[in-house]
PDB file of N, CA and C in Angstrom:
ATOM      1  N   MET A   1      10.557  10.359   2.782  1.00  0.00           N
ATOM      2  CA  MET A   1       9.317  10.300   2.069  1.00  0.00           C
ATOM      3  C   MET A   1       9.548  10.137   0.567  1.00  0.00           C
ATOM      4  N   GLU A   2      10.581  10.736   0.032  1.00  0.00           N
ATOM      5  CA  GLU A   2      10.884  10.600  -1.400  1.00  0.00           C
ATOM      6  C   GLU A   2      11.160   9.143  -1.761  1.00  0.00           C
ATOM      7  N   ALA A   3      11.872   8.447  -0.884  1.00  0.00           N
ATOM      8  CA  ALA A   3      12.136   7.024  -1.129  1.00  0.00           C
ATOM      9  C   ALA A   3      10.823   6.250  -1.190  1.00  0.00           C
ATOM     10  N   GLY A   4       9.881   6.576  -0.313  1.00  0.00           N
ATOM     11  CA  GLY A   4       8.579   5.919  -0.322  1.00  0.00           C
ATOM     12  C   GLY A   4       7.822   6.200  -1.597  1.00  0.00           C
ATOM     13  N   ARG A   5       7.868   7.442  -2.079  1.00  0.00           N
ATOM     14  CA  ARG A   5       7.196   7.802  -3.330  1.00  0.00           C
ATOM     15  C   ARG A   5       7.743   6.973  -4.480  1.00  0.00           C
ATOM     16  N   GLU A   6       9.051   6.827  -4.529  1.00  0.00           N
ATOM     17  CA  GLU A   6       9.685   6.052  -5.605  1.00  0.00           C
ATOM     18  C   GLU A   6       9.285   4.578  -5.537  1.00  0.00           C
ATOM     19  N   ILE A   7       9.230   4.026  -4.342  1.00  0.00           N
ATOM     20  CA  ILE A   7       8.821   2.618  -4.193  1.00  0.00           C
ATOM     21  C   ILE A   7       7.373   2.448  -4.621  1.00  0.00           C
ATOM     22  N   VAL A   8       6.510   3.346  -4.187  1.00  0.00           N
ATOM     23  CA  VAL A   8       5.102   3.283  -4.584  1.00  0.00           C
ATOM     24  C   VAL A   8       4.980   3.362  -6.099  1.00  0.00           C
ATOM     25  N   ALA A   9       5.735   4.266  -6.718  1.00  0.00           N
ATOM     26  CA  ALA A   9       5.657   4.440  -8.168  1.00  0.00           C
ATOM     27  C   ALA A   9       6.050   3.174  -8.926  1.00  0.00           C
ATOM     28  N   ARG A  10       7.011   2.447  -8.419  1.00  0.00           N
ATOM     29  CA  ARG A  10       7.460   1.258  -9.155  1.00  0.00           C
ATOM     30  C   ARG A  10       6.768  -0.039  -8.711  1.00  0.00           C
ATOM     31  N   THR A  11       6.128  -0.026  -7.542  1.00  0.00           N
ATOM     32  CA  THR A  11       5.555  -1.258  -7.006  1.00  0.00           C
ATOM     33  C   THR A  11       4.025  -1.233  -6.937  1.00  0.00           C
ATOM     34  N   CYS A  12       3.468  -0.146  -6.470  1.00  0.00           N
ATOM     35  CA  CYS A  12       2.037  -0.114  -6.149  1.00  0.00           C
ATOM     36  C   CYS A  12       1.149   0.336  -7.312  1.00  0.00           C
ATOM     37  N   THR A  13       1.711   1.096  -8.243  1.00  0.00           N
ATOM     38  CA  THR A  13       0.887   1.666  -9.303  1.00  0.00           C
ATOM     39  C   THR A  13       0.356   0.617 -10.276  1.00  0.00           C
ATOM     40  N   ALA A  14       0.964  -0.539 -10.339  1.00  0.00           N
ATOM     41  CA  ALA A  14       0.464  -1.591 -11.232  1.00  0.00           C
ATOM     42  C   ALA A  14      -0.967  -1.970 -10.876  1.00  0.00           C
ATOM     43  N   CYS A  15      -1.295  -1.976  -9.605  1.00  0.00           N
ATOM     44  CA  CYS A  15      -2.654  -2.338  -9.172  1.00  0.00           C
ATOM     45  C   CYS A  15      -3.500  -1.128  -8.758  1.00  0.00           C
ATOM     46  N   HIS A  16      -2.863  -0.106  -8.223  1.00  0.00           N
ATOM     47  CA  HIS A  16      -3.611   1.037  -7.694  1.00  0.00           C
ATOM     48  C   HIS A  16      -3.681   2.200  -8.677  1.00  0.00           C
ATOM     49  N   GLY A  17      -3.039   2.079  -9.837  1.00  0.00           N
ATOM     50  CA  GLY A  17      -3.057   3.111 -10.858  1.00  0.00           C
ATOM     51  C   GLY A  17      -1.956   4.128 -10.669  1.00  0.00           C
ATOM     52  N   ALA A  18      -1.528   4.719 -11.780  1.00  0.00           N
ATOM     53  CA  ALA A  18      -0.454   5.718 -11.731  1.00  0.00           C
ATOM     54  C   ALA A  18      -0.835   6.895 -10.850  1.00  0.00           C
ATOM     55  N   ASP A  19      -2.132   7.204 -10.787  1.00  0.00           N
ATOM     56  CA  ASP A  19      -2.605   8.299  -9.949  1.00  0.00           C
ATOM     57  C   ASP A  19      -3.025   7.827  -8.555  1.00  0.00           C
ATOM     58  N   LEU A  20      -2.826   6.539  -8.278  1.00  0.00           N
ATOM     59  CA  LEU A  20      -3.152   5.882  -7.008  1.00  0.00           C
ATOM     60  C   LEU A  20      -4.650   5.858  -6.704  1.00  0.00           C
ATOM     61  N   LYS A  21      -5.479   6.068  -7.729  1.00  0.00           N
ATOM     62  CA  LYS A  21      -6.920   6.038  -7.493  1.00  0.00           C
ATOM     63  C   LYS A  21      -7.727   5.402  -8.617  1.00  0.00           C
ATOM     64  N   SER A  22      -7.067   4.912  -9.651  1.00  0.00           N
ATOM     65  CA  SER A  22      -7.846   4.413 -10.784  1.00  0.00           C
ATOM     66  C   SER A  22      -7.473   2.993 -11.196  1.00  0.00           C
ATOM     67  N   GLY A  23      -6.874   2.256 -10.313  1.00  0.00           N
ATOM     68  CA  GLY A  23      -6.503   0.887 -10.638  1.00  0.00           C
ATOM     69  C   GLY A  23      -7.519  -0.121 -10.138  1.00  0.00           C
ATOM     70  N   VAL A  24      -7.154  -1.383 -10.222  1.00  0.00           N
ATOM     71  CA  VAL A  24      -8.042  -2.449  -9.734  1.00  0.00           C
ATOM     72  C   VAL A  24      -8.022  -2.537  -8.209  1.00  0.00           C
ATOM     73  N   GLY A  25      -6.967  -2.045  -7.600  1.00  0.00           N
ATOM     74  CA  GLY A  25      -6.896  -1.986  -6.138  1.00  0.00           C
ATOM     75  C   GLY A  25      -7.588  -0.728  -5.646  1.00  0.00           C
ATOM     76  N   PRO A  26      -7.880  -0.670  -4.352  1.00  0.00           N
ATOM     77  CA  PRO A  26      -8.561   0.513  -3.814  1.00  0.00           C
ATOM     78  C   PRO A  26      -7.670   1.758  -3.899  1.00  0.00           C
ATOM     79  N   PRO A  27      -8.277   2.934  -3.951  1.00  0.00           N
ATOM     80  CA  PRO A  27      -7.496   4.173  -4.000  1.00  0.00           C
ATOM     81  C   PRO A  27      -6.578   4.309  -2.783  1.00  0.00           C
ATOM     82  N   LEU A  28      -5.398   4.826  -3.034  1.00  0.00           N
ATOM     83  CA  LEU A  28      -4.433   5.042  -1.953  1.00  0.00           C
ATOM     84  C   LEU A  28      -4.269   6.520  -1.624  1.00  0.00           C
ATOM     85  N   ASP A  29      -4.903   7.381  -2.391  1.00  0.00           N
ATOM     86  CA  ASP A  29      -4.711   8.819  -2.203  1.00  0.00           C
ATOM     87  C   ASP A  29      -5.749   9.456  -1.281  1.00  0.00           C
ATOM     88  N   ASP A  30      -6.828   8.763  -1.005  1.00  0.00           N
ATOM     89  CA  ASP A  30      -7.871   9.278  -0.123  1.00  0.00           C
ATOM     90  C   ASP A  30      -8.432   8.100   0.657  1.00  0.00           C
ATOM     91  N   SER A  31      -7.637   7.603   1.574  1.00  0.00           N
ATOM     92  CA  SER A  31      -7.955   6.347   2.244  1.00  0.00           C
ATOM     93  C   SER A  31      -8.118   6.518   3.753  1.00  0.00           C
ATOM     94  N   GLU A  32      -9.312   6.261   4.210  1.00  0.00           N
ATOM     95  CA  GLU A  32      -9.582   6.281   5.651  1.00  0.00           C
ATOM     96  C   GLU A  32      -8.738   5.210   6.350  1.00  0.00           C
ATOM     97  N   PHE A  33      -8.590   4.064   5.691  1.00  0.00           N
ATOM     98  CA  PHE A  33      -7.773   2.979   6.239  1.00  0.00           C
ATOM     99  C   PHE A  33      -6.349   3.453   6.490  1.00  0.00           C
ATOM    100  N   ILE A  34      -5.755   4.139   5.540  1.00  0.00           N
ATOM    101  CA  ILE A  34      -4.383   4.635   5.708  1.00  0.00           C
ATOM    102  C   ILE A  34      -4.347   5.715   6.783  1.00  0.00           C
ATOM    103  N   ARG A  35      -5.314   6.617   6.766  1.00  0.00           N
ATOM    104  CA  ARG A  35      -5.324   7.713   7.752  1.00  0.00           C
ATOM    105  C   ARG A  35      -5.464   7.219   9.179  1.00  0.00           C
ATOM    106  N   THR A  36      -6.233   6.157   9.394  1.00  0.00           N
ATOM    107  CA  THR A  36      -6.557   5.753  10.766  1.00  0.00           C
ATOM    108  C   THR A  36      -5.762   4.565  11.291  1.00  0.00           C
ATOM    109  N   THR A  37      -5.020   3.903  10.433  1.00  0.00           N
ATOM    110  CA  THR A  37      -4.249   2.736  10.872  1.00  0.00           C
ATOM    111  C   THR A  37      -2.864   3.185  11.330  1.00  0.00           C
ATOM    112  N   PRO A  38      -2.429   2.757  12.505  1.00  0.00           N
ATOM    113  CA  PRO A  38      -1.080   3.113  12.979  1.00  0.00           C
ATOM    114  C   PRO A  38      -0.004   2.666  11.985  1.00  0.00           C
ATOM    115  N   ASP A  39       1.053   3.446  11.912  1.00  0.00           N
ATOM    116  CA  ASP A  39       2.137   3.168  10.963  1.00  0.00           C
ATOM    117  C   ASP A  39       2.644   1.733  11.063  1.00  0.00           C
ATOM    118  N   SER A  40       2.889   1.268  12.273  1.00  0.00           N
ATOM    119  CA  SER A  40       3.441  -0.083  12.437  1.00  0.00           C
ATOM    120  C   SER A  40       2.477  -1.146  11.917  1.00  0.00           C
ATOM    121  N   ASP A  41       1.182  -0.912  12.076  1.00  0.00           N
ATOM    122  CA  ASP A  41       0.182  -1.848  11.555  1.00  0.00           C
ATOM    123  C   ASP A  41       0.145  -1.821  10.029  1.00  0.00           C
ATOM    124  N   LEU A  42       0.312  -0.633   9.444  1.00  0.00           N
ATOM    125  CA  LEU A  42       0.354  -0.545   7.980  1.00  0.00           C
ATOM    126  C   LEU A  42       1.574  -1.256   7.414  1.00  0.00           C
ATOM    127  N   VAL A  43       2.707  -1.112   8.084  1.00  0.00           N
ATOM    128  CA  VAL A  43       3.917  -1.821   7.644  1.00  0.00           C
ATOM    129  C   VAL A  43       3.648  -3.328   7.651  1.00  0.00           C
ATOM    130  N   ARG A  44       3.075  -3.830   8.727  1.00  0.00           N
ATOM    131  CA  ARG A  44       2.761  -5.269   8.802  1.00  0.00           C
ATOM    132  C   ARG A  44       1.750  -5.681   7.731  1.00  0.00           C
ATOM    133  N   PHE A  45       0.749  -4.823   7.484  1.00  0.00           N
ATOM    134  CA  PHE A  45      -0.259  -5.114   6.467  1.00  0.00           C
ATOM    135  C   PHE A  45       0.381  -5.245   5.090  1.00  0.00           C
ATOM    136  N   ILE A  46       1.229  -4.295   4.731  1.00  0.00           N
ATOM    137  CA  ILE A  46       1.890  -4.340   3.425  1.00  0.00           C
ATOM    138  C   ILE A  46       2.830  -5.541   3.357  1.00  0.00           C
ATOM    139  N   GLU A  47       3.505  -5.810   4.453  1.00  0.00           N
ATOM    140  CA  GLU A  47       4.434  -6.938   4.495  1.00  0.00           C
ATOM    141  C   GLU A  47       3.718  -8.266   4.239  1.00  0.00           C
ATOM    142  N   LYS A  48       2.542  -8.429   4.812  1.00  0.00           N
ATOM    143  CA  LYS A  48       1.807  -9.696   4.686  1.00  0.00           C
ATOM    144  C   LYS A  48       0.875  -9.742   3.486  1.00  0.00           C
ATOM    145  N   GLY A  49       0.370  -8.589   3.041  1.00  0.00           N
ATOM    146  CA  GLY A  49      -0.604  -8.561   1.965  1.00  0.00           C
ATOM    147  C   GLY A  49      -1.991  -8.916   2.469  1.00  0.00           C
ATOM    148  N   ARG A  50      -2.907  -9.113   1.522  1.00  0.00           N
ATOM    149  CA  ARG A  50      -4.282  -9.474   1.896  1.00  0.00           C
ATOM    150  C   ARG A  50      -4.831 -10.456   0.863  1.00  0.00           C
ATOM    151  N   PRO A  51      -5.206 -11.651   1.300  1.00  0.00           N
ATOM    152  CA  PRO A  51      -5.761 -12.637   0.361  1.00  0.00           C
ATOM    153  C   PRO A  51      -7.089 -12.164  -0.239  1.00  0.00           C
ATOM    154  N   ALA A  52      -7.388 -12.654  -1.415  1.00  0.00           N
ATOM    155  CA  ALA A  52      -8.645 -12.292  -2.082  1.00  0.00           C
ATOM    156  C   ALA A  52      -9.846 -12.659  -1.232  1.00  0.00           C
ATOM    157  N   GLY A  53      -9.768 -13.750  -0.488  1.00  0.00           N
ATOM    158  CA  GLY A  53     -10.891 -14.214   0.307  1.00  0.00           C
ATOM    159  C   GLY A  53     -11.036 -13.561   1.668  1.00  0.00           C
ATOM    160  N   ASP A  54     -10.138 -12.667   2.026  1.00  0.00           N
ATOM    161  CA  ASP A  54     -10.230 -11.974   3.310  1.00  0.00           C
ATOM    162  C   ASP A  54     -11.530 -11.176   3.351  1.00  0.00           C
ATOM    163  N   PRO A  55     -12.313 -11.289   4.432  1.00  0.00           N
ATOM    164  CA  PRO A  55     -13.589 -10.565   4.519  1.00  0.00           C
ATOM    165  C   PRO A  55     -13.448  -9.048   4.366  1.00  0.00           C
ATOM    166  N   SER A  56     -12.278  -8.503   4.682  1.00  0.00           N
ATOM    167  CA  SER A  56     -12.060  -7.058   4.547  1.00  0.00           C
ATOM    168  C   SER A  56     -11.657  -6.655   3.137  1.00  0.00           C
ATOM    169  N   ASN A  57     -11.404  -7.639   2.285  1.00  0.00           N
ATOM    170  CA  ASN A  57     -10.996  -7.349   0.918  1.00  0.00           C
ATOM    171  C   ASN A  57     -12.237  -7.035   0.088  1.00  0.00           C
ATOM    172  N   LYS A  58     -12.368  -5.790  -0.311  1.00  0.00           N
ATOM    173  CA  LYS A  58     -13.549  -5.346  -1.046  1.00  0.00           C
ATOM    174  C   LYS A  58     -13.408  -5.523  -2.557  1.00  0.00           C
ATOM    175  N   THR A  59     -12.201  -5.803  -3.046  1.00  0.00           N
ATOM    176  CA  THR A  59     -11.992  -5.932  -4.487  1.00  0.00           C
ATOM    177  C   THR A  59     -12.079  -7.367  -4.971  1.00  0.00           C
ATOM    178  N   GLY A  60     -11.888  -8.322  -4.062  1.00  0.00           N
ATOM    179  CA  GLY A  60     -11.867  -9.725  -4.468  1.00  0.00           C
ATOM    180  C   GLY A  60     -10.562 -10.131  -5.138  1.00  0.00           C
ATOM    181  N   MET A  61      -9.586  -9.221  -5.149  1.00  0.00           N
ATOM    182  CA  MET A  61      -8.262  -9.512  -5.697  1.00  0.00           C
ATOM    183  C   MET A  61      -7.250  -9.512  -4.562  1.00  0.00           C
ATOM    184  N   ALA A  62      -6.339 -10.437  -4.625  1.00  0.00           N
ATOM    185  CA  ALA A  62      -5.312 -10.516  -3.584  1.00  0.00           C
ATOM    186  C   ALA A  62      -4.334  -9.353  -3.711  1.00  0.00           C
ATOM    187  N   MET A  63      -3.909  -8.854  -2.561  1.00  0.00           N
ATOM    188  CA  MET A  63      -2.767  -7.941  -2.532  1.00  0.00           C
ATOM    189  C   MET A  63      -1.588  -8.799  -2.111  1.00  0.00           C
ATOM    190  N   PRO A  64      -0.597  -8.949  -2.995  1.00  0.00           N
ATOM    191  CA  PRO A  64       0.527  -9.813  -2.640  1.00  0.00           C
ATOM    192  C   PRO A  64       1.368  -9.212  -1.523  1.00  0.00           C
ATOM    193  N   PRO A  65       2.016 -10.063  -0.743  1.00  0.00           N
ATOM    194  CA  PRO A  65       2.932  -9.549   0.271  1.00  0.00           C
ATOM    195  C   PRO A  65       3.934  -8.587  -0.352  1.00  0.00           C
ATOM    196  N   LYS A  66       4.173  -7.494   0.339  1.00  0.00           N
ATOM    197  CA  LYS A  66       5.109  -6.463  -0.099  1.00  0.00           C
ATOM    198  C   LYS A  66       4.769  -5.950  -1.494  1.00  0.00           C
ATOM    199  N   GLY A  67       3.492  -5.977  -1.837  1.00  0.00           N
ATOM    200  CA  GLY A  67       3.068  -5.482  -3.138  1.00  0.00           C
ATOM    201  C   GLY A  67       3.656  -6.272  -4.292  1.00  0.00           C
ATOM    202  N   GLY A  68       4.125  -7.467  -4.001  1.00  0.00           N
ATOM    203  CA  GLY A  68       4.715  -8.310  -5.027  1.00  0.00           C
ATOM    204  C   GLY A  68       6.210  -8.136  -5.188  1.00  0.00           C
ATOM    205  N   ASP A  69       6.830  -7.300  -4.378  1.00  0.00           N
ATOM    206  CA  ASP A  69       8.282  -7.079  -4.463  1.00  0.00           C
ATOM    207  C   ASP A  69       8.938  -7.613  -3.194  1.00  0.00           C
ATOM    208  N   SER A  70       9.334  -8.869  -3.245  1.00  0.00           N
ATOM    209  CA  SER A  70       9.895  -9.518  -2.059  1.00  0.00           C
ATOM    210  C   SER A  70      11.216  -8.907  -1.600  1.00  0.00           C
ATOM    211  N   SER A  71      11.822  -8.072  -2.428  1.00  0.00           N
ATOM    212  CA  SER A  71      13.102  -7.465  -2.040  1.00  0.00           C
ATOM    213  C   SER A  71      12.925  -6.275  -1.083  1.00  0.00           C
ATOM    214  N   LEU A  72      11.698  -5.805  -0.899  1.00  0.00           N
ATOM    215  CA  LEU A  72      11.483  -4.647  -0.015  1.00  0.00           C
ATOM    216  C   LEU A  72      11.810  -4.996   1.432  1.00  0.00           C
ATOM    217  N   THR A  73      12.539  -4.113   2.072  1.00  0.00           N
ATOM    218  CA  THR A  73      12.928  -4.283   3.470  1.00  0.00           C
ATOM    219  C   THR A  73      11.898  -3.607   4.377  1.00  0.00           C
ATOM    220  N   THR A  74      12.026  -3.831   5.658  1.00  0.00           N
ATOM    221  CA  THR A  74      11.163  -3.144   6.617  1.00  0.00           C
ATOM    222  C   THR A  74      11.335  -1.637   6.485  1.00  0.00           C
ATOM    223  N   GLU A  75      12.561  -1.182   6.300  1.00  0.00           N
ATOM    224  CA  GLU A  75      12.808   0.253   6.113  1.00  0.00           C
ATOM    225  C   GLU A  75      12.095   0.767   4.866  1.00  0.00           C
ATOM    226  N   ASP A  76      12.133   0.003   3.784  1.00  0.00           N
ATOM    227  CA  ASP A  76      11.413   0.390   2.564  1.00  0.00           C
ATOM    228  C   ASP A  76       9.926   0.535   2.848  1.00  0.00           C
ATOM    229  N   LEU A  77       9.364  -0.422   3.575  1.00  0.00           N
ATOM    230  CA  LEU A  77       7.937  -0.383   3.883  1.00  0.00           C
ATOM    231  C   LEU A  77       7.604   0.801   4.787  1.00  0.00           C
ATOM    232  N   GLN A  78       8.500   1.150   5.696  1.00  0.00           N
ATOM    233  CA  GLN A  78       8.305   2.330   6.536  1.00  0.00           C
ATOM    234  C   GLN A  78       8.300   3.595   5.677  1.00  0.00           C
ATOM    235  N   ASP A  79       9.163   3.627   4.657  1.00  0.00           N
ATOM    236  CA  ASP A  79       9.191   4.763   3.728  1.00  0.00           C
ATOM    237  C   ASP A  79       7.886   4.852   2.942  1.00  0.00           C
ATOM    238  N   VAL A  80       7.367   3.710   2.514  1.00  0.00           N
ATOM    239  CA  VAL A  80       6.097   3.675   1.794  1.00  0.00           C
ATOM    240  C   VAL A  80       4.984   4.216   2.692  1.00  0.00           C
ATOM    241  N   VAL A  81       4.940   3.770   3.920  1.00  0.00           N
ATOM    242  CA  VAL A  81       3.913   4.230   4.858  1.00  0.00           C
ATOM    243  C   VAL A  81       4.039   5.731   5.093  1.00  0.00           C
ATOM    244  N   ALA A  82       5.252   6.234   5.260  1.00  0.00           N
ATOM    245  CA  ALA A  82       5.445   7.678   5.459  1.00  0.00           C
ATOM    246  C   ALA A  82       4.894   8.453   4.267  1.00  0.00           C
ATOM    247  N   TYR A  83       5.146   7.975   3.067  1.00  0.00           N
ATOM    248  CA  TYR A  83       4.634   8.637   1.870  1.00  0.00           C
ATOM    249  C   TYR A  83       3.108   8.570   1.824  1.00  0.00           C
ATOM    250  N   LEU A  84       2.547   7.385   2.054  1.00  0.00           N
ATOM    251  CA  LEU A  84       1.092   7.238   1.993  1.00  0.00           C
ATOM    252  C   LEU A  84       0.398   8.076   3.061  1.00  0.00           C
ATOM    253  N   LYS A  85       0.982   8.149   4.241  1.00  0.00           N
ATOM    254  CA  LYS A  85       0.416   8.998   5.304  1.00  0.00           C
ATOM    255  C   LYS A  85       0.441  10.469   4.878  1.00  0.00           C
ATOM    256  N   ALA A  86       1.535  10.885   4.246  1.00  0.00           N
ATOM    257  CA  ALA A  86       1.672  12.282   3.826  1.00  0.00           C
ATOM    258  C   ALA A  86       0.621  12.676   2.788  1.00  0.00           C
ATOM    259  N   ILE A  87       0.280  11.766   1.890  1.00  0.00           N
ATOM    260  CA  ILE A  87      -0.694  12.121   0.854  1.00  0.00           C
ATOM    261  C   ILE A  87      -2.140  11.879   1.310  1.00  0.00           C
ATOM    262  N   ASN A  88      -2.304  11.396   2.516  1.00  0.00           N
ATOM    263  CA  ASN A  88      -3.641  11.111   3.052  1.00  0.00           C
ATOM    264  C   ASN A  88      -3.999  11.988   4.242  1.00  0.00           C
ATOM    265  N   ARG A  89      -3.397  13.119   4.356  1.00  0.00           N
ATOM    266  CA  ARG A  89      -3.711  14.019   5.495  1.00  0.00           C
ATOM    267  C   ARG A  89      -5.003  14.732   5.257  1.00  0.00           C
TER     268      ARG A  89
END
């Protein structure tokens, strides 16, 4: 989980805010989507991102694949999901 926290801090906070709730992206600290989506589906979601035009995109801004860090591995994304799940209980 610590590895996931570090990845989130360096990758996700640019759009979701340092506190994960005050950026241009949706909050990550109190997310029904994170709480209810299976881990494997969240990994795939982060891996692929979400285009601005996706009907489920409420911000109108694209989420880039892997949060814009193409170097992230599947294991890294699993760590991110573990961290996000932990803060969304």
